[in-house]
Amino acid sequence: MGYKNLVFDKDSIFLVTGGAGFIGSNLCEAITDMGHQVRCLDNLSTGKQENVDLLIDRPNYSFIKGDIRDLDTCIEACKGVTYVLNQAAWGSVPRSIEMPLLYEEINIRGTLNMMEAARQSGVKKFVFASSSSVYGDHPVLPKVEGQEGNLLSPYALTKRVDEEYGKLYHKLYGLDTYAMRYFNVFGRRQDPDGAYAAVIPKFIKMLLHDETPTINGDGKQSRDFTYIDNVIEANLKACLAPTEAAGNAFNIAYGGREYLIDIYYDLCKALDKDIKPNFGPDRAGDIKHSNADISKARKLLGYDPEYDFSKGIAEAIAWYKEHLA
């Protein structure tokens, strides 16, 4: 269970793109804690300098300020690298509806640049971020790989295209690719600010400051909220997965189902607040209900998530209390 006892060759080098972001910085921290070399590539468009500063003094960490939209930068970053963990992307369904061309450029062309650079550099494993949004309007729960519906946003489309490129790069070029379909990841260092901030850190920050959050819709939408340490485990286990598992997409979640309104009042209770939320319109492109069947990742990657929602949210609340209060 977990990832801290996983064994890699001592001379392994990891490249984490988007390594100054929420998921990427946590991956960089975990890998350097394990004693391995990490190279972080980020253009700081959504990643944060403070996440780089947190690790920059570690001798096994290095930072490249660069953009995955530039193929030469990707090739340079991949030199000598054993494993690529490609987290660089722009998230947010609503923002993608406003900026489809930018999402095409970053999430599709950027990811393709990284796959090509990894192929040219002889990278052993290419593990990349996908999303539960690829399930679109398919109504069946839990979500199972291979049962996808019509896509509801440009963001979802970019992730589906990335997965198809991953399959092709494995089939045509022998690059071992693994698509991680993340389900609503949360935890330390997730940004609570801005119009497109994720709901859990936004709620926590507003409640800590006695502000009234707005819940989009009726609050009865459900999600498979997934703690960051489960995501770290999945990425690192994919690096050790057999070639037979390559070219596939995997649901990365806990396999639970939490309703937004319940989470809100649980947070109020944990933070000792009595604040009634506002309710706003549904967000365009959002899926109403989402939870994951994780049996494929269990079987092929050995994924065995350690943190259920209650354990993860307790850790997250403690972190935000320390850093935001």
C-alpha atoms as a PDB file:
ATOM      1  CA  MET A   1       0.000   0.000   0.000  1.00  0.00           C
ATOM      2  CA  GLY A   2       1.230   3.487  -0.819  1.00  0.00           C
ATOM      3  CA  TYR A   3       4.406   4.342  -2.720  1.00  0.00           C
ATOM      4  CA  LYS A   4       7.181   4.954  -0.203  1.00  0.00           C
ATOM      5  CA  ASN A   5       8.580   1.418  -0.394  1.00  0.00           C
ATOM      6  CA  LEU A   6       8.712   1.241  -4.185  1.00  0.00           C
ATOM      7  CA  VAL A   7      12.160   0.422  -5.550  1.00  0.00           C
ATOM      8  CA  PHE A   8      13.682   2.090  -8.617  1.00  0.00           C
ATOM      9  CA  ASP A   9      17.214   1.847 -10.002  1.00  0.00           C
ATOM     10  CA  LYS A  10      19.360   4.259  -8.030  1.00  0.00           C
ATOM     11  CA  ASP A  11      20.436   6.132 -11.178  1.00  0.00           C
ATOM     12  CA  SER A  12      16.855   6.717 -12.367  1.00  0.00           C
ATOM     13  CA  ILE A  13      16.034  10.261 -13.478  1.00  0.00           C
ATOM     14  CA  PHE A  14      12.434  11.502 -13.427  1.00  0.00           C
ATOM     15  CA  LEU A  15      11.157  14.404 -15.499  1.00  0.00           C
ATOM     16  CA  VAL A  16       7.975  15.972 -14.119  1.00  0.00           C
ATOM     17  CA  THR A  17       6.366  18.440 -16.498  1.00  0.00           C
ATOM     18  CA  GLY A  18       4.048  20.890 -14.816  1.00  0.00           C
ATOM     19  CA  GLY A  19       6.206  20.235 -11.783  1.00  0.00           C
ATOM     20  CA  ALA A  20       5.449  23.626 -10.218  1.00  0.00           C
ATOM     21  CA  GLY A  21       1.731  22.885 -10.149  1.00  0.00           C
ATOM     22  CA  PHE A  22      -0.385  21.143  -7.536  1.00  0.00           C
ATOM     23  CA  ILE A  23       0.019  17.523  -8.624  1.00  0.00           C
ATOM     24  CA  GLY A  24       3.435  18.025 -10.214  1.00  0.00           C
ATOM     25  CA  SER A  25       5.045  19.628  -7.159  1.00  0.00           C
ATOM     26  CA  ASN A  26       3.766  16.840  -4.943  1.00  0.00           C
ATOM     27  CA  LEU A  27       5.269  14.288  -7.322  1.00  0.00           C
ATOM     28  CA  CYS A  28       8.602  16.149  -7.325  1.00  0.00           C
ATOM     29  CA  GLU A  29       8.633  16.274  -3.538  1.00  0.00           C
ATOM     30  CA  ALA A  30       7.783  12.587  -3.153  1.00  0.00           C
ATOM     31  CA  ILE A  31      10.429  11.438  -5.632  1.00  0.00           C
ATOM     32  CA  THR A  32      13.179  13.588  -4.136  1.00  0.00           C
ATOM     33  CA  ASP A  33      12.175  12.295  -0.694  1.00  0.00           C
ATOM     34  CA  MET A  34      12.797   8.782  -2.059  1.00  0.00           C
ATOM     35  CA  GLY A  35      16.313   9.875  -3.021  1.00  0.00           C
ATOM     36  CA  HIS A  36      15.933   9.984  -6.806  1.00  0.00           C
ATOM     37  CA  GLN A  37      16.850  12.695  -9.295  1.00  0.00           C
ATOM     38  CA  VAL A  38      13.978  14.918 -10.420  1.00  0.00           C
ATOM     39  CA  ARG A  39      13.935  17.422 -13.236  1.00  0.00           C
ATOM     40  CA  CYS A  40      10.996  19.841 -13.141  1.00  0.00           C
ATOM     41  CA  LEU A  41       9.831  21.522 -16.351  1.00  0.00           C
ATOM     42  CA  ASP A  42       7.258  24.318 -16.017  1.00  0.00           C
ATOM     43  CA  ASN A  43       6.575  27.678 -17.670  1.00  0.00           C
ATOM     44  CA  LEU A  44       4.879  28.978 -14.483  1.00  0.00           C
ATOM     45  CA  SER A  45       1.695  29.920 -16.353  1.00  0.00           C
ATOM     46  CA  THR A  46      -0.408  28.076 -13.767  1.00  0.00           C
ATOM     47  CA  GLY A  47       2.379  26.566 -11.647  1.00  0.00           C
ATOM     48  CA  LYS A  48       3.865  28.572  -8.796  1.00  0.00           C
ATOM     49  CA  GLN A  49       7.385  29.756  -8.123  1.00  0.00           C
ATOM     50  CA  GLU A  50       6.876  28.998  -4.428  1.00  0.00           C
ATOM     51  CA  ASN A  51       6.480  25.294  -5.291  1.00  0.00           C
ATOM     52  CA  VAL A  52       9.864  25.411  -7.010  1.00  0.00           C
ATOM     53  CA  ASP A  53      11.443  27.349  -4.139  1.00  0.00           C
ATOM     54  CA  LEU A  54      10.232  24.651  -1.750  1.00  0.00           C
ATOM     55  CA  LEU A  55      12.536  22.090  -3.409  1.00  0.00           C
ATOM     56  CA  ILE A  56      15.240  24.084  -5.176  1.00  0.00           C
ATOM     57  CA  ASP A  57      17.843  23.583  -2.422  1.00  0.00           C
ATOM     58  CA  ARG A  58      17.615  19.796  -2.663  1.00  0.00           C
ATOM     59  CA  PRO A  59      20.667  18.409  -4.489  1.00  0.00           C
ATOM     60  CA  ASN A  60      18.546  15.894  -6.437  1.00  0.00           C
ATOM     61  CA  TYR A  61      16.123  18.515  -7.814  1.00  0.00           C
ATOM     62  CA  SER A  62      16.568  20.822 -10.782  1.00  0.00           C
ATOM     63  CA  PHE A  63      14.222  23.295 -12.426  1.00  0.00           C
ATOM     64  CA  ILE A  64      13.889  24.181 -16.109  1.00  0.00           C
ATOM     65  CA  LYS A  65      11.684  27.151 -16.923  1.00  0.00           C
ATOM     66  CA  GLY A  66      10.259  26.199 -20.278  1.00  0.00           C
ATOM     67  CA  ASP A  67       7.126  25.510 -22.276  1.00  0.00           C
ATOM     68  CA  ILE A  68       5.956  22.128 -23.583  1.00  0.00           C
ATOM     69  CA  ARG A  69       4.675  23.912 -26.694  1.00  0.00           C
ATOM     70  CA  ASP A  70       8.325  24.216 -27.760  1.00  0.00           C
ATOM     71  CA  LEU A  71       9.609  20.867 -29.058  1.00  0.00           C
ATOM     72  CA  ASP A  72      13.300  21.780 -28.641  1.00  0.00           C
ATOM     73  CA  THR A  73      12.681  22.533 -24.956  1.00  0.00           C
ATOM     74  CA  CYS A  74      10.971  19.145 -24.548  1.00  0.00           C
ATOM     75  CA  ILE A  75      13.836  17.309 -26.259  1.00  0.00           C
ATOM     76  CA  GLU A  76      16.425  19.059 -24.093  1.00  0.00           C
ATOM     77  CA  ALA A  77      14.459  18.295 -20.912  1.00  0.00           C
ATOM     78  CA  CYS A  78      14.167  14.588 -21.819  1.00  0.00           C
ATOM     79  CA  LYS A  79      17.905  13.970 -22.303  1.00  0.00           C
ATOM     80  CA  GLY A  80      19.053  11.115 -20.076  1.00  0.00           C
ATOM     81  CA  VAL A  81      15.614  10.766 -18.472  1.00  0.00           C
ATOM     82  CA  THR A  82      14.294   7.367 -17.395  1.00  0.00           C
ATOM     83  CA  TYR A  83      10.663   8.255 -16.608  1.00  0.00           C
ATOM     84  CA  VAL A  84       8.460  11.127 -17.744  1.00  0.00           C
ATOM     85  CA  LEU A  85       5.490  12.102 -15.580  1.00  0.00           C
ATOM     86  CA  ASN A  86       3.652  14.545 -17.834  1.00  0.00           C
ATOM     87  CA  GLN A  87       1.368  16.728 -15.705  1.00  0.00           C
ATOM     88  CA  ALA A  88       1.730  19.928 -17.744  1.00  0.00           C
ATOM     89  CA  ALA A  89      -1.682  21.033 -18.969  1.00  0.00           C
ATOM     90  CA  TRP A  90      -4.331  23.631 -18.418  1.00  0.00           C
ATOM     91  CA  GLY A  91      -7.216  22.359 -16.336  1.00  0.00           C
ATOM     92  CA  SER A  92     -10.790  23.617 -15.797  1.00  0.00           C
ATOM     93  CA  VAL A  93     -13.776  22.671 -17.902  1.00  0.00           C
ATOM     94  CA  PRO A  94     -15.363  26.172 -17.868  1.00  0.00           C
ATOM     95  CA  ARG A  95     -12.131  27.915 -18.832  1.00  0.00           C
ATOM     96  CA  SER A  96     -11.677  25.511 -21.765  1.00  0.00           C
ATOM     97  CA  ILE A  97     -15.113  26.507 -23.068  1.00  0.00           C
ATOM     98  CA  GLU A  98     -13.923  30.116 -23.061  1.00  0.00           C
ATOM     99  CA  MET A  99     -10.479  29.372 -24.574  1.00  0.00           C
ATOM    100  CA  PRO A 100     -10.658  26.282 -26.834  1.00  0.00           C
ATOM    101  CA  LEU A 101      -7.724  27.274 -29.053  1.00  0.00           C
ATOM    102  CA  LEU A 102      -5.358  27.663 -26.121  1.00  0.00           C
ATOM    103  CA  TYR A 103      -6.384  24.261 -24.757  1.00  0.00           C
ATOM    104  CA  GLU A 104      -5.697  22.664 -28.128  1.00  0.00           C
ATOM    105  CA  GLU A 105      -2.255  24.269 -28.184  1.00  0.00           C
ATOM    106  CA  ILE A 106      -1.190  23.359 -24.632  1.00  0.00           C
ATOM    107  CA  ASN A 107      -2.987  20.121 -23.831  1.00  0.00           C
ATOM    108  CA  ILE A 108      -2.791  18.408 -27.211  1.00  0.00           C
ATOM    109  CA  ARG A 109       0.239  19.816 -29.037  1.00  0.00           C
ATOM    110  CA  GLY A 110       2.204  20.184 -25.826  1.00  0.00           C
ATOM    111  CA  THR A 111       1.557  16.590 -24.785  1.00  0.00           C
ATOM    112  CA  LEU A 112       2.381  15.349 -28.280  1.00  0.00           C
ATOM    113  CA  ASN A 113       5.666  17.283 -28.165  1.00  0.00           C
ATOM    114  CA  MET A 114       6.493  15.548 -24.895  1.00  0.00           C
ATOM    115  CA  MET A 115       5.666  12.087 -26.252  1.00  0.00           C
ATOM    116  CA  GLU A 116       7.832  12.716 -29.305  1.00  0.00           C
ATOM    117  CA  ALA A 117      10.700  14.018 -27.173  1.00  0.00           C
ATOM    118  CA  ALA A 118      10.387  10.991 -24.885  1.00  0.00           C
ATOM    119  CA  ARG A 119      10.421   8.656 -27.895  1.00  0.00           C
ATOM    120  CA  GLN A 120      13.494  10.305 -29.382  1.00  0.00           C
ATOM    121  CA  SER A 121      15.291  10.194 -26.022  1.00  0.00           C
ATOM    122  CA  GLY A 122      14.586   6.515 -25.315  1.00  0.00           C
ATOM    123  CA  VAL A 123      12.537   7.222 -22.180  1.00  0.00           C
ATOM    124  CA  LYS A 124      11.486   4.007 -20.436  1.00  0.00           C
ATOM    125  CA  LYS A 125       7.957   5.026 -19.354  1.00  0.00           C
ATOM    126  CA  PHE A 126       5.718   7.955 -20.272  1.00  0.00           C
ATOM    127  CA  VAL A 127       2.988   8.468 -17.670  1.00  0.00           C
ATOM    128  CA  PHE A 128       0.572  11.314 -18.345  1.00  0.00           C
ATOM    129  CA  ALA A 129      -2.396  13.099 -16.818  1.00  0.00           C
ATOM    130  CA  SER A 130      -5.802  12.433 -18.288  1.00  0.00           C
ATOM    131  CA  SER A 131      -9.168  13.129 -16.671  1.00  0.00           C
ATOM    132  CA  SER A 132     -12.506  11.651 -15.665  1.00  0.00           C
ATOM    133  CA  SER A 133     -14.034  14.280 -17.967  1.00  0.00           C
ATOM    134  CA  VAL A 134     -13.405  11.913 -20.905  1.00  0.00           C
ATOM    135  CA  TYR A 135     -16.509   9.959 -19.809  1.00  0.00           C
ATOM    136  CA  GLY A 136     -18.681  12.845 -20.970  1.00  0.00           C
ATOM    137  CA  ASP A 137     -22.421  12.191 -20.803  1.00  0.00           C
ATOM    138  CA  HIS A 138     -22.198   8.408 -20.356  1.00  0.00           C
ATOM    139  CA  PRO A 139     -24.711   7.824 -17.555  1.00  0.00           C
ATOM    140  CA  VAL A 140     -23.550   4.543 -16.037  1.00  0.00           C
ATOM    141  CA  LEU A 141     -21.848   4.529 -12.617  1.00  0.00           C
ATOM    142  CA  PRO A 142     -19.232   3.631 -11.658  1.00  0.00           C
ATOM    143  CA  LYS A 143     -17.205   4.806 -14.651  1.00  0.00           C
ATOM    144  CA  VAL A 144     -15.371   1.971 -16.409  1.00  0.00           C
ATOM    145  CA  GLU A 145     -12.592   2.363 -18.956  1.00  0.00           C
ATOM    146  CA  GLY A 146     -13.970   1.656 -22.442  1.00  0.00           C
ATOM    147  CA  GLN A 147     -17.453   2.989 -21.665  1.00  0.00           C
ATOM    148  CA  GLU A 148     -17.218   6.655 -22.636  1.00  0.00           C
ATOM    149  CA  GLY A 149     -19.996   8.976 -23.803  1.00  0.00           C
ATOM    150  CA  ASN A 150     -20.176  12.203 -25.780  1.00  0.00           C
ATOM    151  CA  LEU A 151     -17.638  14.782 -24.682  1.00  0.00           C
ATOM    152  CA  LEU A 152     -18.949  17.935 -23.003  1.00  0.00           C
ATOM    153  CA  SER A 153     -16.015  20.376 -23.167  1.00  0.00           C
ATOM    154  CA  PRO A 154     -12.847  21.229 -25.090  1.00  0.00           C
ATOM    155  CA  TYR A 155     -10.865  20.186 -21.987  1.00  0.00           C
ATOM    156  CA  ALA A 156     -12.382  16.694 -22.111  1.00  0.00           C
ATOM    157  CA  LEU A 157     -11.638  16.497 -25.831  1.00  0.00           C
ATOM    158  CA  THR A 158      -7.974  17.382 -25.298  1.00  0.00           C
ATOM    159  CA  LYS A 159      -7.606  14.577 -22.769  1.00  0.00           C
ATOM    160  CA  ARG A 160      -9.312  12.043 -25.035  1.00  0.00           C
ATOM    161  CA  VAL A 161      -6.984  13.018 -27.892  1.00  0.00           C
ATOM    162  CA  ASP A 162      -3.955  12.666 -25.600  1.00  0.00           C
ATOM    163  CA  GLU A 163      -5.084   9.145 -24.707  1.00  0.00           C
ATOM    164  CA  GLU A 164      -5.394   8.233 -28.391  1.00  0.00           C
ATOM    165  CA  TYR A 165      -1.902   9.563 -29.077  1.00  0.00           C
ATOM    166  CA  GLY A 166      -0.678   7.512 -26.128  1.00  0.00           C
ATOM    167  CA  LYS A 167      -2.121   4.350 -27.687  1.00  0.00           C
ATOM    168  CA  LEU A 168      -0.574   5.171 -31.054  1.00  0.00           C
ATOM    169  CA  TYR A 169       2.862   5.970 -29.632  1.00  0.00           C
ATOM    170  CA  HIS A 170       2.866   2.619 -27.875  1.00  0.00           C
ATOM    171  CA  LYS A 171       1.648   0.710 -30.919  1.00  0.00           C
ATOM    172  CA  LEU A 172       3.731   2.466 -33.585  1.00  0.00           C
ATOM    173  CA  TYR A 173       6.902   3.386 -31.707  1.00  0.00           C
ATOM    174  CA  GLY A 174       7.045   1.085 -28.682  1.00  0.00           C
ATOM    175  CA  LEU A 175       6.884   3.939 -26.142  1.00  0.00           C
ATOM    176  CA  ASP A 176       5.307   2.621 -22.939  1.00  0.00           C
ATOM    177  CA  THR A 177       2.519   5.131 -22.248  1.00  0.00           C
ATOM    178  CA  TYR A 178       0.058   5.128 -19.337  1.00  0.00           C
ATOM    179  CA  ALA A 179      -2.860   7.566 -19.155  1.00  0.00           C
ATOM    180  CA  MET A 180      -3.948   8.485 -15.629  1.00  0.00           C
ATOM    181  CA  ARG A 181      -7.651   9.402 -15.587  1.00  0.00           C
ATOM    182  CA  TYR A 182      -7.732  11.539 -12.451  1.00  0.00           C
ATOM    183  CA  PHE A 183     -10.977  11.928 -10.547  1.00  0.00           C
ATOM    184  CA  ASN A 184     -11.211  15.248  -8.650  1.00  0.00           C
ATOM    185  CA  VAL A 185      -7.805  15.284  -6.987  1.00  0.00           C
ATOM    186  CA  PHE A 186      -7.419  17.334  -3.806  1.00  0.00           C
ATOM    187  CA  GLY A 187      -4.839  17.931  -1.087  1.00  0.00           C
ATOM    188  CA  ARG A 188      -1.926  20.084   0.061  1.00  0.00           C
ATOM    189  CA  ARG A 189      -0.835  22.965  -2.186  1.00  0.00           C
ATOM    190  CA  GLN A 190      -3.980  22.935  -4.321  1.00  0.00           C
ATOM    191  CA  ASP A 191      -4.715  26.566  -5.206  1.00  0.00           C
ATOM    192  CA  PRO A 192      -7.820  27.978  -3.472  1.00  0.00           C
ATOM    193  CA  ASP A 193      -7.819  31.232  -5.442  1.00  0.00           C
ATOM    194  CA  GLY A 194      -9.172  32.398  -8.765  1.00  0.00           C
ATOM    195  CA  ALA A 195     -12.346  31.922 -10.774  1.00  0.00           C
ATOM    196  CA  TYR A 196     -11.409  28.362 -11.740  1.00  0.00           C
ATOM    197  CA  ALA A 197     -10.173  27.112  -8.370  1.00  0.00           C
ATOM    198  CA  ALA A 198     -11.128  23.594  -7.303  1.00  0.00           C
ATOM    199  CA  VAL A 199     -14.050  23.393  -4.934  1.00  0.00           C
ATOM    200  CA  ILE A 200     -12.470  21.857  -1.808  1.00  0.00           C
ATOM    201  CA  PRO A 201      -9.625  24.386  -1.288  1.00  0.00           C
ATOM    202  CA  LYS A 202     -11.964  27.232  -2.250  1.00  0.00           C
ATOM    203  CA  PHE A 203     -14.560  26.149   0.347  1.00  0.00           C
ATOM    204  CA  ILE A 204     -11.919  25.687   3.048  1.00  0.00           C
ATOM    205  CA  LYS A 205     -10.313  29.081   2.460  1.00  0.00           C
ATOM    206  CA  MET A 206     -13.627  30.931   2.398  1.00  0.00           C
ATOM    207  CA  LEU A 207     -14.868  29.218   5.554  1.00  0.00           C
ATOM    208  CA  LEU A 208     -11.576  29.923   7.362  1.00  0.00           C
ATOM    209  CA  HIS A 209     -12.104  33.602   6.499  1.00  0.00           C
ATOM    210  CA  ASP A 210     -15.821  33.560   7.410  1.00  0.00           C
ATOM    211  CA  GLU A 211     -16.899  34.152   3.822  1.00  0.00           C
ATOM    212  CA  THR A 212     -19.947  32.603   2.140  1.00  0.00           C
ATOM    213  CA  PRO A 213     -19.142  30.130  -0.681  1.00  0.00           C
ATOM    214  CA  THR A 214     -21.328  29.643  -3.721  1.00  0.00           C
ATOM    215  CA  ILE A 215     -22.197  26.087  -4.739  1.00  0.00           C
ATOM    216  CA  ASN A 216     -22.856  25.649  -8.448  1.00  0.00           C
ATOM    217  CA  GLY A 217     -26.178  23.885  -8.973  1.00  0.00           C
ATOM    218  CA  ASP A 218     -28.139  22.217  -6.177  1.00  0.00           C
ATOM    219  CA  GLY A 219     -25.133  20.651  -4.423  1.00  0.00           C
ATOM    220  CA  LYS A 220     -26.422  17.158  -5.130  1.00  0.00           C
ATOM    221  CA  GLN A 221     -23.766  16.423  -7.712  1.00  0.00           C
ATOM    222  CA  SER A 222     -21.398  13.655  -6.649  1.00  0.00           C
ATOM    223  CA  ARG A 223     -17.691  13.099  -7.209  1.00  0.00           C
ATOM    224  CA  ASP A 224     -15.004  10.543  -6.463  1.00  0.00           C
ATOM    225  CA  PHE A 225     -12.703  12.958  -4.622  1.00  0.00           C
ATOM    226  CA  THR A 226      -9.170  11.553  -4.657  1.00  0.00           C
ATOM    227  CA  TYR A 227      -6.414  12.495  -2.227  1.00  0.00           C
ATOM    228  CA  ILE A 228      -3.074  13.558  -3.711  1.00  0.00           C
ATOM    229  CA  ASP A 229      -1.069  10.693  -2.178  1.00  0.00           C
ATOM    230  CA  ASN A 230      -3.192   8.177  -4.103  1.00  0.00           C
ATOM    231  CA  VAL A 231      -2.257   9.999  -7.316  1.00  0.00           C
ATOM    232  CA  ILE A 232       1.447   9.913  -6.432  1.00  0.00           C
ATOM    233  CA  GLU A 233       1.161   6.171  -5.850  1.00  0.00           C
ATOM    234  CA  ALA A 234      -0.559   5.629  -9.211  1.00  0.00           C
ATOM    235  CA  ASN A 235       2.074   7.568 -11.168  1.00  0.00           C
ATOM    236  CA  LEU A 236       4.994   5.791  -9.544  1.00  0.00           C
ATOM    237  CA  LYS A 237       3.426   2.348  -9.868  1.00  0.00           C
ATOM    238  CA  ALA A 238       2.792   3.058 -13.566  1.00  0.00           C
ATOM    239  CA  CYS A 239       6.556   3.641 -13.907  1.00  0.00           C
ATOM    240  CA  LEU A 240       7.095   0.087 -12.672  1.00  0.00           C
ATOM    241  CA  ALA A 241       4.206  -1.483 -14.623  1.00  0.00           C
ATOM    242  CA  PRO A 242       4.805  -4.168 -17.244  1.00  0.00           C
ATOM    243  CA  THR A 243       4.874  -3.260 -20.942  1.00  0.00           C
ATOM    244  CA  GLU A 244       1.704  -5.367 -21.315  1.00  0.00           C
ATOM    245  CA  ALA A 245      -0.168  -2.643 -19.393  1.00  0.00           C
ATOM    246  CA  ALA A 246       1.105   0.149 -21.669  1.00  0.00           C
ATOM    247  CA  GLY A 247      -1.087   1.997 -24.163  1.00  0.00           C
ATOM    248  CA  ASN A 248      -3.974   1.976 -21.698  1.00  0.00           C
ATOM    249  CA  ALA A 249      -5.963   4.514 -19.707  1.00  0.00           C
ATOM    250  CA  PHE A 250      -6.607   3.929 -16.008  1.00  0.00           C
ATOM    251  CA  ASN A 251      -9.125   5.382 -13.580  1.00  0.00           C
ATOM    252  CA  ILE A 252      -7.204   6.940 -10.695  1.00  0.00           C
ATOM    253  CA  ALA A 253      -9.539   7.504  -7.772  1.00  0.00           C
ATOM    254  CA  TYR A 254     -10.485   5.906  -4.484  1.00  0.00           C
ATOM    255  CA  GLY A 255     -13.726   4.406  -5.728  1.00  0.00           C
ATOM    256  CA  GLY A 256     -15.945   6.426  -3.393  1.00  0.00           C
ATOM    257  CA  ARG A 257     -18.789   8.838  -4.015  1.00  0.00           C
ATOM    258  CA  GLU A 258     -19.284  12.095  -2.128  1.00  0.00           C
ATOM    259  CA  TYR A 259     -22.050  14.646  -2.591  1.00  0.00           C
ATOM    260  CA  LEU A 260     -20.961  18.271  -2.765  1.00  0.00           C
ATOM    261  CA  ILE A 261     -23.509  19.551  -0.264  1.00  0.00           C
ATOM    262  CA  ASP A 262     -22.466  16.875   2.259  1.00  0.00           C
ATOM    263  CA  ILE A 263     -18.817  17.836   1.840  1.00  0.00           C
ATOM    264  CA  TYR A 264     -19.677  21.474   2.417  1.00  0.00           C
ATOM    265  CA  TYR A 265     -21.419  20.819   5.722  1.00  0.00           C
ATOM    266  CA  ASP A 266     -18.699  18.363   6.788  1.00  0.00           C
ATOM    267  CA  LEU A 267     -16.156  21.152   6.230  1.00  0.00           C
ATOM    268  CA  CYS A 268     -18.312  23.571   8.234  1.00  0.00           C
ATOM    269  CA  LYS A 269     -18.363  21.076  11.084  1.00  0.00           C
ATOM    270  CA  ALA A 270     -14.611  20.381  10.926  1.00  0.00           C
ATOM    271  CA  LEU A 271     -13.827  24.101  10.891  1.00  0.00           C
ATOM    272  CA  ASP A 272     -16.470  24.959  13.507  1.00  0.00           C
ATOM    273  CA  LYS A 273     -18.358  27.302  11.154  1.00  0.00           C
ATOM    274  CA  ASP A 274     -22.091  27.879  10.701  1.00  0.00           C
ATOM    275  CA  ILE A 275     -22.351  29.541   7.288  1.00  0.00           C
ATOM    276  CA  LYS A 276     -25.182  28.766   4.872  1.00  0.00           C
ATOM    277  CA  PRO A 277     -23.923  28.563   1.283  1.00  0.00           C
ATOM    278  CA  ASN A 278     -25.259  30.431  -1.715  1.00  0.00           C
ATOM    279  CA  PHE A 279     -26.422  28.409  -4.713  1.00  0.00           C
ATOM    280  CA  GLY A 280     -25.586  29.440  -8.273  1.00  0.00           C
ATOM    281  CA  PRO A 281     -26.304  28.054 -11.747  1.00  0.00           C
ATOM    282  CA  ASP A 282     -24.883  24.747 -12.949  1.00  0.00           C
ATOM    283  CA  ARG A 283     -21.479  25.061 -14.619  1.00  0.00           C
ATOM    284  CA  ALA A 284     -21.428  24.484 -18.387  1.00  0.00           C
ATOM    285  CA  GLY A 285     -19.792  21.207 -19.392  1.00  0.00           C
ATOM    286  CA  ASP A 286     -19.932  19.646 -15.915  1.00  0.00           C
ATOM    287  CA  ILE A 287     -20.820  16.012 -15.360  1.00  0.00           C
ATOM    288  CA  LYS A 288     -23.540  15.580 -12.723  1.00  0.00           C
ATOM    289  CA  HIS A 289     -22.250  12.363 -11.157  1.00  0.00           C
ATOM    290  CA  SER A 290     -18.861  10.738 -11.323  1.00  0.00           C
ATOM    291  CA  ASN A 291     -17.297   7.859  -9.477  1.00  0.00           C
ATOM    292  CA  ALA A 292     -14.745   5.318 -10.585  1.00  0.00           C
ATOM    293  CA  ASP A 293     -14.296   1.606 -10.941  1.00  0.00           C
ATOM    294  CA  ILE A 294     -10.573   1.239 -10.157  1.00  0.00           C
ATOM    295  CA  SER A 295     -10.279  -2.507 -10.741  1.00  0.00           C
ATOM    296  CA  LYS A 296      -8.253  -2.112 -13.955  1.00  0.00           C
ATOM    297  CA  ALA A 297      -5.610   0.011 -12.198  1.00  0.00           C
ATOM    298  CA  ARG A 298      -5.573  -2.444  -9.280  1.00  0.00           C
ATOM    299  CA  LYS A 299      -4.999  -5.382 -11.603  1.00  0.00           C
ATOM    300  CA  LEU A 300      -2.528  -3.937 -14.118  1.00  0.00           C
ATOM    301  CA  LEU A 301      -0.660  -1.329 -12.056  1.00  0.00           C
ATOM    302  CA  GLY A 302      -0.950  -2.785  -8.556  1.00  0.00           C
ATOM    303  CA  TYR A 303      -2.698   0.433  -7.526  1.00  0.00           C
ATOM    304  CA  ASP A 304      -4.015   0.147  -3.972  1.00  0.00           C
ATOM    305  CA  PRO A 305      -5.065   3.611  -2.740  1.00  0.00           C
ATOM    306  CA  GLU A 306      -4.313   4.252   0.892  1.00  0.00           C
ATOM    307  CA  TYR A 307      -6.426   7.371   1.468  1.00  0.00           C
ATOM    308  CA  ASP A 308     -10.213   7.283   1.498  1.00  0.00           C
ATOM    309  CA  PHE A 309     -12.029  10.604   1.454  1.00  0.00           C
ATOM    310  CA  SER A 310     -12.303  11.045   5.216  1.00  0.00           C
ATOM    311  CA  LYS A 311      -8.595  10.332   5.787  1.00  0.00           C
ATOM    312  CA  GLY A 312      -7.574  12.612   2.915  1.00  0.00           C
ATOM    313  CA  ILE A 313      -9.840  15.507   3.841  1.00  0.00           C
ATOM    314  CA  ALA A 314      -8.546  15.474   7.418  1.00  0.00           C
ATOM    315  CA  GLU A 315      -4.984  15.841   6.073  1.00  0.00           C
ATOM    316  CA  ALA A 316      -6.049  18.586   3.658  1.00  0.00           C
ATOM    317  CA  ILE A 317      -7.892  20.588   6.334  1.00  0.00           C
ATOM    318  CA  ALA A 318      -4.864  20.414   8.635  1.00  0.00           C
ATOM    319  CA  TRP A 319      -2.591  21.677   5.847  1.00  0.00           C
ATOM    320  CA  TYR A 320      -4.869  24.576   4.890  1.00  0.00           C
ATOM    321  CA  LYS A 321      -5.365  25.587   8.512  1.00  0.00           C
ATOM    322  CA  GLU A 322      -1.593  25.887   8.865  1.00  0.00           C
ATOM    323  CA  HIS A 323      -1.032  27.707   5.568  1.00  0.00           C
ATOM    324  CA  LEU A 324      -4.143  29.855   5.125  1.00  0.00           C
ATOM    325  CA  ALA A 325      -5.298  30.785   8.622  1.00  0.00           C
END
